[in-house]
Amino acid sequence: MNHIMSATLFVRHTIADYASWRVAYDSADPVRVQHGCTGQQVFRLPADSNDVIATHEFPSVNQAEAFAADPALAAAMQRGGVTSAPRIEIFERA
């Protein structure tokens, strides 16, 4: 059986203001595209709309890792008002 090994990157952090963060998140789309991101979703904690999780789909773990390490991603987080250290995890499709 042939399995396509794709990866999902999860990033969770708190932010100062969702509206400001969303502008910075959306402006980072070229960085996602550069690393081969094929889809993303954003979730907010119902009790705290400034606690967000974003998921990003990639064709490979290597592409997800390269995206996570890209200085442009860190810069976008800073512009977006991230107030906590981001928790980034990469999972491979099983």
PDB file of N, CA and C in Angstrom:
ATOM      1  N   MET A   1       0.832  -1.168   0.000  1.00  0.00           N
ATOM      2  CA  MET A   1       0.000   0.000   0.000  1.00  0.00           C
ATOM      3  C   MET A   1       0.885   1.242   0.000  1.00  0.00           C
ATOM      4  N   ASN A   2       0.555   2.192  -0.846  1.00  0.00           N
ATOM      5  CA  ASN A   2       1.338   3.413  -0.976  1.00  0.00           C
ATOM      6  C   ASN A   2       0.675   4.532  -0.172  1.00  0.00           C
ATOM      7  N   HIS A   3       1.377   5.060   0.816  1.00  0.00           N
ATOM      8  CA  HIS A   3       0.853   6.145   1.642  1.00  0.00           C
ATOM      9  C   HIS A   3       1.575   7.449   1.294  1.00  0.00           C
ATOM     10  N   ILE A   4       0.826   8.493   1.149  1.00  0.00           N
ATOM     11  CA  ILE A   4       1.417   9.812   0.975  1.00  0.00           C
ATOM     12  C   ILE A   4       1.671  10.374   2.368  1.00  0.00           C
ATOM     13  N   MET A   5       2.931  10.708   2.639  1.00  0.00           N
ATOM     14  CA  MET A   5       3.293  11.169   3.966  1.00  0.00           C
ATOM     15  C   MET A   5       3.194  12.694   4.025  1.00  0.00           C
ATOM     16  N   SER A   6       2.062  13.153   4.468  1.00  0.00           N
ATOM     17  CA  SER A   6       1.896  14.592   4.632  1.00  0.00           C
ATOM     18  C   SER A   6       2.034  14.948   6.108  1.00  0.00           C
ATOM     19  N   ALA A   7       2.108  16.244   6.377  1.00  0.00           N
ATOM     20  CA  ALA A   7       2.321  16.699   7.745  1.00  0.00           C
ATOM     21  C   ALA A   7       1.395  17.868   8.049  1.00  0.00           C
ATOM     22  N   THR A   8       1.022  17.962   9.318  1.00  0.00           N
ATOM     23  CA  THR A   8       0.257  19.100   9.803  1.00  0.00           C
ATOM     24  C   THR A   8       1.057  19.776  10.911  1.00  0.00           C
ATOM     25  N   LEU A   9       1.235  21.073  10.763  1.00  0.00           N
ATOM     26  CA  LEU A   9       1.906  21.876  11.773  1.00  0.00           C
ATOM     27  C   LEU A   9       0.832  22.578  12.589  1.00  0.00           C
ATOM     28  N   PHE A  10       0.934  22.445  13.906  1.00  0.00           N
ATOM     29  CA  PHE A  10       0.028  23.125  14.837  1.00  0.00           C
ATOM     30  C   PHE A  10       0.844  24.190  15.558  1.00  0.00           C
ATOM     31  N   VAL A  11       0.310  25.390  15.638  1.00  0.00           N
ATOM     32  CA  VAL A  11       0.969  26.435  16.425  1.00  0.00           C
ATOM     33  C   VAL A  11      -0.088  27.074  17.320  1.00  0.00           C
ATOM     34  N   ARG A  12       0.239  27.158  18.604  1.00  0.00           N
ATOM     35  CA  ARG A  12      -0.675  27.768  19.574  1.00  0.00           C
ATOM     36  C   ARG A  12       0.065  28.865  20.313  1.00  0.00           C
ATOM     37  N   HIS A  13      -0.592  29.999  20.441  1.00  0.00           N
ATOM     38  CA  HIS A  13      -0.029  31.103  21.216  1.00  0.00           C
ATOM     39  C   HIS A  13      -1.131  32.065  21.606  1.00  0.00           C
ATOM     40  N   THR A  14      -0.795  32.931  22.546  1.00  0.00           N
ATOM     41  CA  THR A  14      -1.729  33.991  22.916  1.00  0.00           C
ATOM     42  C   THR A  14      -1.299  35.258  22.196  1.00  0.00           C
ATOM     43  N   ILE A  15      -2.280  36.124  21.966  1.00  0.00           N
ATOM     44  CA  ILE A  15      -2.049  37.346  21.209  1.00  0.00           C
ATOM     45  C   ILE A  15      -2.675  38.515  21.950  1.00  0.00           C
ATOM     46  N   ALA A  16      -2.228  39.714  21.613  1.00  0.00           N
ATOM     47  CA  ALA A  16      -2.755  40.904  22.281  1.00  0.00           C
ATOM     48  C   ALA A  16      -4.145  41.269  21.763  1.00  0.00           C
ATOM     49  N   ASP A  17      -4.355  41.107  20.454  1.00  0.00           N
ATOM     50  CA  ASP A  17      -5.618  41.515  19.846  1.00  0.00           C
ATOM     51  C   ASP A  17      -5.850  40.698  18.586  1.00  0.00           C
ATOM     52  N   TYR A  18      -6.971  39.972  18.532  1.00  0.00           N
ATOM     53  CA  TYR A  18      -7.217  39.082  17.409  1.00  0.00           C
ATOM     54  C   TYR A  18      -7.239  39.816  16.068  1.00  0.00           C
ATOM     55  N   ALA A  19      -7.912  40.942  15.984  1.00  0.00           N
ATOM     56  CA  ALA A  19      -8.035  41.651  14.699  1.00  0.00           C
ATOM     57  C   ALA A  19      -6.659  42.043  14.160  1.00  0.00           C
ATOM     58  N   SER A  20      -5.794  42.553  15.014  1.00  0.00           N
ATOM     59  CA  SER A  20      -4.441  42.929  14.592  1.00  0.00           C
ATOM     60  C   SER A  20      -3.643  41.693  14.194  1.00  0.00           C
ATOM     61  N   TRP A  21      -3.770  40.642  14.996  1.00  0.00           N
ATOM     62  CA  TRP A  21      -3.053  39.408  14.690  1.00  0.00           C
ATOM     63  C   TRP A  21      -3.497  38.851  13.339  1.00  0.00           C
ATOM     64  N   ARG A  22      -4.802  38.889  13.064  1.00  0.00           N
ATOM     65  CA  ARG A  22      -5.310  38.301  11.826  1.00  0.00           C
ATOM     66  C   ARG A  22      -4.751  39.011  10.599  1.00  0.00           C
ATOM     67  N   VAL A  23      -4.575  40.326  10.682  1.00  0.00           N
ATOM     68  CA  VAL A  23      -3.979  41.070   9.569  1.00  0.00           C
ATOM     69  C   VAL A  23      -2.558  40.555   9.308  1.00  0.00           C
ATOM     70  N   ALA A  24      -1.770  40.397  10.375  1.00  0.00           N
ATOM     71  CA  ALA A  24      -0.397  39.901  10.229  1.00  0.00           C
ATOM     72  C   ALA A  24      -0.391  38.458   9.735  1.00  0.00           C
ATOM     73  N   TYR A  25      -1.313  37.630  10.251  1.00  0.00           N
ATOM     74  CA  TYR A  25      -1.401  36.234   9.817  1.00  0.00           C
ATOM     75  C   TYR A  25      -1.687  36.168   8.324  1.00  0.00           C
ATOM     76  N   ASP A  26      -2.678  36.912   7.881  1.00  0.00           N
ATOM     77  CA  ASP A  26      -3.047  36.891   6.463  1.00  0.00           C
ATOM     78  C   ASP A  26      -1.919  37.426   5.582  1.00  0.00           C
ATOM     79  N   SER A  27      -1.168  38.404   6.082  1.00  0.00           N
ATOM     80  CA  SER A  27      -0.076  38.972   5.290  1.00  0.00           C
ATOM     81  C   SER A  27       1.097  37.995   5.150  1.00  0.00           C
ATOM     82  N   ALA A  28       1.135  36.951   5.984  1.00  0.00           N
ATOM     83  CA  ALA A  28       2.201  35.952   5.917  1.00  0.00           C
ATOM     84  C   ALA A  28       1.883  34.834   4.922  1.00  0.00           C
ATOM     85  N   ASP A  29       0.820  34.973   4.165  1.00  0.00           N
ATOM     86  CA  ASP A  29       0.453  33.925   3.205  1.00  0.00           C
ATOM     87  C   ASP A  29       1.582  33.592   2.228  1.00  0.00           C
ATOM     88  N   PRO A  30       2.338  34.571   1.713  1.00  0.00           N
ATOM     89  CA  PRO A  30       3.444  34.211   0.813  1.00  0.00           C
ATOM     90  C   PRO A  30       4.482  33.275   1.452  1.00  0.00           C
ATOM     91  N   VAL A  31       4.699  33.402   2.752  1.00  0.00           N
ATOM     92  CA  VAL A  31       5.641  32.517   3.447  1.00  0.00           C
ATOM     93  C   VAL A  31       5.082  31.095   3.456  1.00  0.00           C
ATOM     94  N   ARG A  32       3.775  30.970   3.723  1.00  0.00           N
ATOM     95  CA  ARG A  32       3.152  29.641   3.706  1.00  0.00           C
ATOM     96  C   ARG A  32       3.261  29.023   2.319  1.00  0.00           C
ATOM     97  N   VAL A  33       2.956  29.806   1.301  1.00  0.00           N
ATOM     98  CA  VAL A  33       3.013  29.315  -0.079  1.00  0.00           C
ATOM     99  C   VAL A  33       4.441  28.899  -0.439  1.00  0.00           C
ATOM    100  N   GLN A  34       5.410  29.699  -0.047  1.00  0.00           N
ATOM    101  CA  GLN A  34       6.820  29.410  -0.349  1.00  0.00           C
ATOM    102  C   GLN A  34       7.231  28.025   0.168  1.00  0.00           C
ATOM    103  N   HIS A  35       6.674  27.618   1.298  1.00  0.00           N
ATOM    104  CA  HIS A  35       7.047  26.331   1.896  1.00  0.00           C
ATOM    105  C   HIS A  35       6.092  25.200   1.514  1.00  0.00           C
ATOM    106  N   GLY A  36       5.164  25.482   0.616  1.00  0.00           N
ATOM    107  CA  GLY A  36       4.301  24.420   0.088  1.00  0.00           C
ATOM    108  C   GLY A  36       3.045  24.157   0.885  1.00  0.00           C
ATOM    109  N   CYS A  37       2.650  25.085   1.741  1.00  0.00           N
ATOM    110  CA  CYS A  37       1.431  24.905   2.535  1.00  0.00           C
ATOM    111  C   CYS A  37       0.232  24.730   1.606  1.00  0.00           C
ATOM    112  N   THR A  38      -0.539  23.683   1.867  1.00  0.00           N
ATOM    113  CA  THR A  38      -1.684  23.376   1.007  1.00  0.00           C
ATOM    114  C   THR A  38      -3.021  23.717   1.653  1.00  0.00           C
ATOM    115  N   GLY A  39      -3.011  24.155   2.896  1.00  0.00           N
ATOM    116  CA  GLY A  39      -4.246  24.528   3.570  1.00  0.00           C
ATOM    117  C   GLY A  39      -3.958  24.942   4.991  1.00  0.00           C
ATOM    118  N   GLN A  40      -4.832  25.791   5.530  1.00  0.00           N
ATOM    119  CA  GLN A  40      -4.674  26.220   6.912  1.00  0.00           C
ATOM    120  C   GLN A  40      -6.028  26.532   7.505  1.00  0.00           C
ATOM    121  N   GLN A  41      -6.058  26.472   8.836  1.00  0.00           N
ATOM    122  CA  GLN A  41      -7.253  26.829   9.587  1.00  0.00           C
ATOM    123  C   GLN A  41      -6.822  27.553  10.842  1.00  0.00           C
ATOM    124  N   VAL A  42      -7.690  28.446  11.334  1.00  0.00           N
ATOM    125  CA  VAL A  42      -7.434  29.180  12.567  1.00  0.00           C
ATOM    126  C   VAL A  42      -8.581  28.890  13.529  1.00  0.00           C
ATOM    127  N   PHE A  43      -8.232  28.622  14.784  1.00  0.00           N
ATOM    128  CA  PHE A  43      -9.208  28.345  15.836  1.00  0.00           C
ATOM    129  C   PHE A  43      -8.929  29.275  17.014  1.00  0.00           C
ATOM    130  N   ARG A  44     -10.008  29.663  17.706  1.00  0.00           N
ATOM    131  CA  ARG A  44      -9.864  30.471  18.923  1.00  0.00           C
ATOM    132  C   ARG A  44     -10.559  29.755  20.068  1.00  0.00           C
ATOM    133  N   LEU A  45     -10.006  29.904  21.251  1.00  0.00           N
ATOM    134  CA  LEU A  45     -10.603  29.338  22.446  1.00  0.00           C
ATOM    135  C   LEU A  45     -11.888  30.103  22.753  1.00  0.00           C
ATOM    136  N   PRO A  46     -13.028  29.423  22.941  1.00  0.00           N
ATOM    137  CA  PRO A  46     -14.276  30.141  23.183  1.00  0.00           C
ATOM    138  C   PRO A  46     -14.222  31.083  24.382  1.00  0.00           C
ATOM    139  N   ALA A  47     -13.512  30.700  25.418  1.00  0.00           N
ATOM    140  CA  ALA A  47     -13.445  31.527  26.631  1.00  0.00           C
ATOM    141  C   ALA A  47     -12.433  32.660  26.526  1.00  0.00           C
ATOM    142  N   ASP A  48     -11.564  32.619  25.501  1.00  0.00           N
ATOM    143  CA  ASP A  48     -10.521  33.638  25.349  1.00  0.00           C
ATOM    144  C   ASP A  48     -10.148  33.743  23.875  1.00  0.00           C
ATOM    145  N   SER A  49     -10.728  34.717  23.183  1.00  0.00           N
ATOM    146  CA  SER A  49     -10.519  34.839  21.741  1.00  0.00           C
ATOM    147  C   SER A  49      -9.096  35.236  21.372  1.00  0.00           C
ATOM    148  N   ASN A  50      -8.263  35.530  22.357  1.00  0.00           N
ATOM    149  CA  ASN A  50      -6.859  35.836  22.086  1.00  0.00           C
ATOM    150  C   ASN A  50      -5.944  34.637  22.330  1.00  0.00           C
ATOM    151  N   ASP A  51      -6.524  33.462  22.498  1.00  0.00           N
ATOM    152  CA  ASP A  51      -5.780  32.196  22.589  1.00  0.00           C
ATOM    153  C   ASP A  51      -6.098  31.451  21.298  1.00  0.00           C
ATOM    154  N   VAL A  52      -5.121  31.415  20.382  1.00  0.00           N
ATOM    155  CA  VAL A  52      -5.380  30.869  19.050  1.00  0.00           C
ATOM    156  C   VAL A  52      -4.507  29.664  18.732  1.00  0.00           C
ATOM    157  N   ILE A  53      -5.067  28.815  17.891  1.00  0.00           N
ATOM    158  CA  ILE A  53      -4.336  27.702  17.297  1.00  0.00           C
ATOM    159  C   ILE A  53      -4.520  27.817  15.791  1.00  0.00           C
ATOM    160  N   ALA A  54      -3.429  27.698  15.065  1.00  0.00           N
ATOM    161  CA  ALA A  54      -3.498  27.651  13.612  1.00  0.00           C
ATOM    162  C   ALA A  54      -2.904  26.322  13.158  1.00  0.00           C
ATOM    163  N   THR A  55      -3.563  25.701  12.193  1.00  0.00           N
ATOM    164  CA  THR A  55      -3.031  24.474  11.608  1.00  0.00           C
ATOM    165  C   THR A  55      -2.625  24.774  10.176  1.00  0.00           C
ATOM    166  N   HIS A  56      -1.558  24.114   9.736  1.00  0.00           N
ATOM    167  CA  HIS A  56      -1.044  24.293   8.384  1.00  0.00           C
ATOM    168  C   HIS A  56      -0.701  22.923   7.822  1.00  0.00           C
ATOM    169  N   GLU A  57      -1.213  22.635   6.644  1.00  0.00           N
ATOM    170  CA  GLU A  57      -0.966  21.353   5.976  1.00  0.00           C
ATOM    171  C   GLU A  57       0.211  21.498   5.011  1.00  0.00           C
ATOM    172  N   PHE A  58       1.092  20.506   5.023  1.00  0.00           N
ATOM    173  CA  PHE A  58       2.248  20.484   4.129  1.00  0.00           C
ATOM    174  C   PHE A  58       2.393  19.097   3.504  1.00  0.00           C
ATOM    175  N   PRO A  59       2.973  19.033   2.304  1.00  0.00           N
ATOM    176  CA  PRO A  59       3.190  17.725   1.674  1.00  0.00           C
ATOM    177  C   PRO A  59       4.199  16.855   2.419  1.00  0.00           C
ATOM    178  N   SER A  60       5.095  17.470   3.203  1.00  0.00           N
ATOM    179  CA  SER A  60       6.117  16.684   3.901  1.00  0.00           C
ATOM    180  C   SER A  60       6.473  17.319   5.242  1.00  0.00           C
ATOM    181  N   VAL A  61       7.044  16.501   6.116  1.00  0.00           N
ATOM    182  CA  VAL A  61       7.538  16.987   7.405  1.00  0.00           C
ATOM    183  C   VAL A  61       8.651  18.008   7.182  1.00  0.00           C
ATOM    184  N   ASN A  62       9.530  17.750   6.204  1.00  0.00           N
ATOM    185  CA  ASN A  62      10.627  18.679   5.933  1.00  0.00           C
ATOM    186  C   ASN A  62      10.115  20.070   5.585  1.00  0.00           C
ATOM    187  N   GLN A  63       9.055  20.141   4.803  1.00  0.00           N
ATOM    188  CA  GLN A  63       8.500  21.447   4.433  1.00  0.00           C
ATOM    189  C   GLN A  63       7.891  22.144   5.658  1.00  0.00           C
ATOM    190  N   ALA A  64       7.223  21.378   6.506  1.00  0.00           N
ATOM    191  CA  ALA A  64       6.646  21.942   7.721  1.00  0.00           C
ATOM    192  C   ALA A  64       7.746  22.465   8.642  1.00  0.00           C
ATOM    193  N   GLU A  65       8.825  21.707   8.772  1.00  0.00           N
ATOM    194  CA  GLU A  65       9.946  22.134   9.620  1.00  0.00           C
ATOM    195  C   GLU A  65      10.611  23.389   9.066  1.00  0.00           C
ATOM    196  N   ALA A  66      10.747  23.469   7.750  1.00  0.00           N
ATOM    197  CA  ALA A  66      11.351  24.650   7.134  1.00  0.00           C
ATOM    198  C   ALA A  66      10.475  25.883   7.368  1.00  0.00           C
ATOM    199  N   PHE A  67       9.171  25.707   7.277  1.00  0.00           N
ATOM    200  CA  PHE A  67       8.248  26.809   7.544  1.00  0.00           C
ATOM    201  C   PHE A  67       8.392  27.275   8.991  1.00  0.00           C
ATOM    202  N   ALA A  68       8.419  26.343   9.929  1.00  0.00           N
ATOM    203  CA  ALA A  68       8.521  26.682  11.353  1.00  0.00           C
ATOM    204  C   ALA A  68       9.812  27.429  11.666  1.00  0.00           C
ATOM    205  N   ALA A  69      10.882  27.118  10.930  1.00  0.00           N
ATOM    206  CA  ALA A  69      12.190  27.728  11.183  1.00  0.00           C
ATOM    207  C   ALA A  69      12.411  29.027  10.411  1.00  0.00           C
ATOM    208  N   ASP A  70      11.499  29.380   9.531  1.00  0.00           N
ATOM    209  CA  ASP A  70      11.688  30.557   8.678  1.00  0.00           C
ATOM    210  C   ASP A  70      11.622  31.841   9.510  1.00  0.00           C
ATOM    211  N   PRO A  71      12.645  32.686   9.442  1.00  0.00           N
ATOM    212  CA  PRO A  71      12.619  33.949  10.185  1.00  0.00           C
ATOM    213  C   PRO A  71      11.428  34.836   9.810  1.00  0.00           C
ATOM    214  N   ALA A  72      10.920  34.695   8.606  1.00  0.00           N
ATOM    215  CA  ALA A  72       9.751  35.485   8.193  1.00  0.00           C
ATOM    216  C   ALA A  72       8.520  35.110   9.009  1.00  0.00           C
ATOM    217  N   LEU A  73       8.425  33.858   9.444  1.00  0.00           N
ATOM    218  CA  LEU A  73       7.311  33.447  10.300  1.00  0.00           C
ATOM    219  C   LEU A  73       7.435  34.116  11.668  1.00  0.00           C
ATOM    220  N   ALA A  74       8.626  34.097  12.228  1.00  0.00           N
ATOM    221  CA  ALA A  74       8.845  34.750  13.526  1.00  0.00           C
ATOM    222  C   ALA A  74       8.549  36.244  13.433  1.00  0.00           C
ATOM    223  N   ALA A  75       8.927  36.863  12.330  1.00  0.00           N
ATOM    224  CA  ALA A  75       8.666  38.295  12.139  1.00  0.00           C
ATOM    225  C   ALA A  75       7.165  38.561  12.061  1.00  0.00           C
ATOM    226  N   ALA A  76       6.435  37.693  11.379  1.00  0.00           N
ATOM    227  CA  ALA A  76       4.978  37.854  11.279  1.00  0.00           C
ATOM    228  C   ALA A  76       4.332  37.711  12.645  1.00  0.00           C
ATOM    229  N   MET A  77       4.819  36.770  13.445  1.00  0.00           N
ATOM    230  CA  MET A  77       4.283  36.602  14.795  1.00  0.00           C
ATOM    231  C   MET A  77       4.518  37.859  15.619  1.00  0.00           C
ATOM    232  N   GLN A  78       5.701  38.433  15.486  1.00  0.00           N
ATOM    233  CA  GLN A  78       6.012  39.647  16.230  1.00  0.00           C
ATOM    234  C   GLN A  78       5.096  40.789  15.786  1.00  0.00           C
ATOM    235  N   ARG A  79       4.908  40.948  14.478  1.00  0.00           N
ATOM    236  CA  ARG A  79       4.018  41.992  13.952  1.00  0.00           C
ATOM    237  C   ARG A  79       2.582  41.788  14.428  1.00  0.00           C
ATOM    238  N   GLY A  80       2.203  40.519  14.614  1.00  0.00           N
ATOM    239  CA  GLY A  80       0.840  40.199  15.005  1.00  0.00           C
ATOM    240  C   GLY A  80       0.547  40.353  16.477  1.00  0.00           C
ATOM    241  N   GLY A  81       1.557  40.667  17.261  1.00  0.00           N
ATOM    242  CA  GLY A  81       1.329  40.884  18.679  1.00  0.00           C
ATOM    243  C   GLY A  81       1.227  39.608  19.491  1.00  0.00           C
ATOM    244  N   VAL A  82       1.996  38.589  19.107  1.00  0.00           N
ATOM    245  CA  VAL A  82       2.028  37.349  19.887  1.00  0.00           C
ATOM    246  C   VAL A  82       2.628  37.656  21.250  1.00  0.00           C
ATOM    247  N   THR A  83       1.941  37.224  22.311  1.00  0.00           N
ATOM    248  CA  THR A  83       2.365  37.572  23.668  1.00  0.00           C
ATOM    249  C   THR A  83       2.922  36.393  24.460  1.00  0.00           C
ATOM    250  N   SER A  84       2.924  35.204  23.861  1.00  0.00           N
ATOM    251  CA  SER A  84       3.490  34.038  24.540  1.00  0.00           C
ATOM    252  C   SER A  84       4.432  33.325  23.587  1.00  0.00           C
ATOM    253  N   ALA A  85       5.307  32.506  24.150  1.00  0.00           N
ATOM    254  CA  ALA A  85       6.153  31.690  23.288  1.00  0.00           C
ATOM    255  C   ALA A  85       5.248  30.744  22.502  1.00  0.00           C
ATOM    256  N   PRO A  86       5.406  30.695  21.180  1.00  0.00           N
ATOM    257  CA  PRO A  86       4.541  29.799  20.409  1.00  0.00           C
ATOM    258  C   PRO A  86       4.875  28.339  20.684  1.00  0.00           C
ATOM    259  N   ARG A  87       3.845  27.541  20.795  1.00  0.00           N
ATOM    260  CA  ARG A  87       4.029  26.092  20.911  1.00  0.00           C
ATOM    261  C   ARG A  87       3.783  25.516  19.514  1.00  0.00           C
ATOM    262  N   ILE A  88       4.844  25.035  18.889  1.00  0.00           N
ATOM    263  CA  ILE A  88       4.755  24.504  17.530  1.00  0.00           C
ATOM    264  C   ILE A  88       5.006  23.009  17.576  1.00  0.00           C
ATOM    265  N   GLU A  89       4.082  22.254  17.004  1.00  0.00           N
ATOM    266  CA  GLU A  89       4.212  20.803  16.914  1.00  0.00           C
ATOM    267  C   GLU A  89       3.887  20.371  15.498  1.00  0.00           C
ATOM    268  N   ILE A  90       4.614  19.383  15.009  1.00  0.00           N
ATOM    269  CA  ILE A  90       4.395  18.852  13.669  1.00  0.00           C
ATOM    270  C   ILE A  90       4.032  17.374  13.798  1.00  0.00           C
ATOM    271  N   PHE A  91       2.922  17.027  13.172  1.00  0.00           N
ATOM    272  CA  PHE A  91       2.467  15.642  13.162  1.00  0.00           C
ATOM    273  C   PHE A  91       2.434  15.126  11.736  1.00  0.00           C
ATOM    274  N   GLU A  92       2.830  13.882  11.585  1.00  0.00           N
ATOM    275  CA  GLU A  92       2.810  13.217  10.283  1.00  0.00           C
ATOM    276  C   GLU A  92       1.516  12.406  10.187  1.00  0.00           C
ATOM    277  N   ARG A  93       0.912  12.449   9.008  1.00  0.00           N
ATOM    278  CA  ARG A  93      -0.333  11.682   8.815  1.00  0.00           C
ATOM    279  C   ARG A  93      -0.034  10.202   8.963  1.00  0.00           C
ATOM    280  N   ALA A  94      -0.867   9.519   9.727  1.00  0.00           N
ATOM    281  CA  ALA A  94      -0.681   8.089   9.983  1.00  0.00           C
ATOM    282  C   ALA A  94      -1.651   7.278   9.118  1.00  0.00           C
TER     283      ALA A  94
END
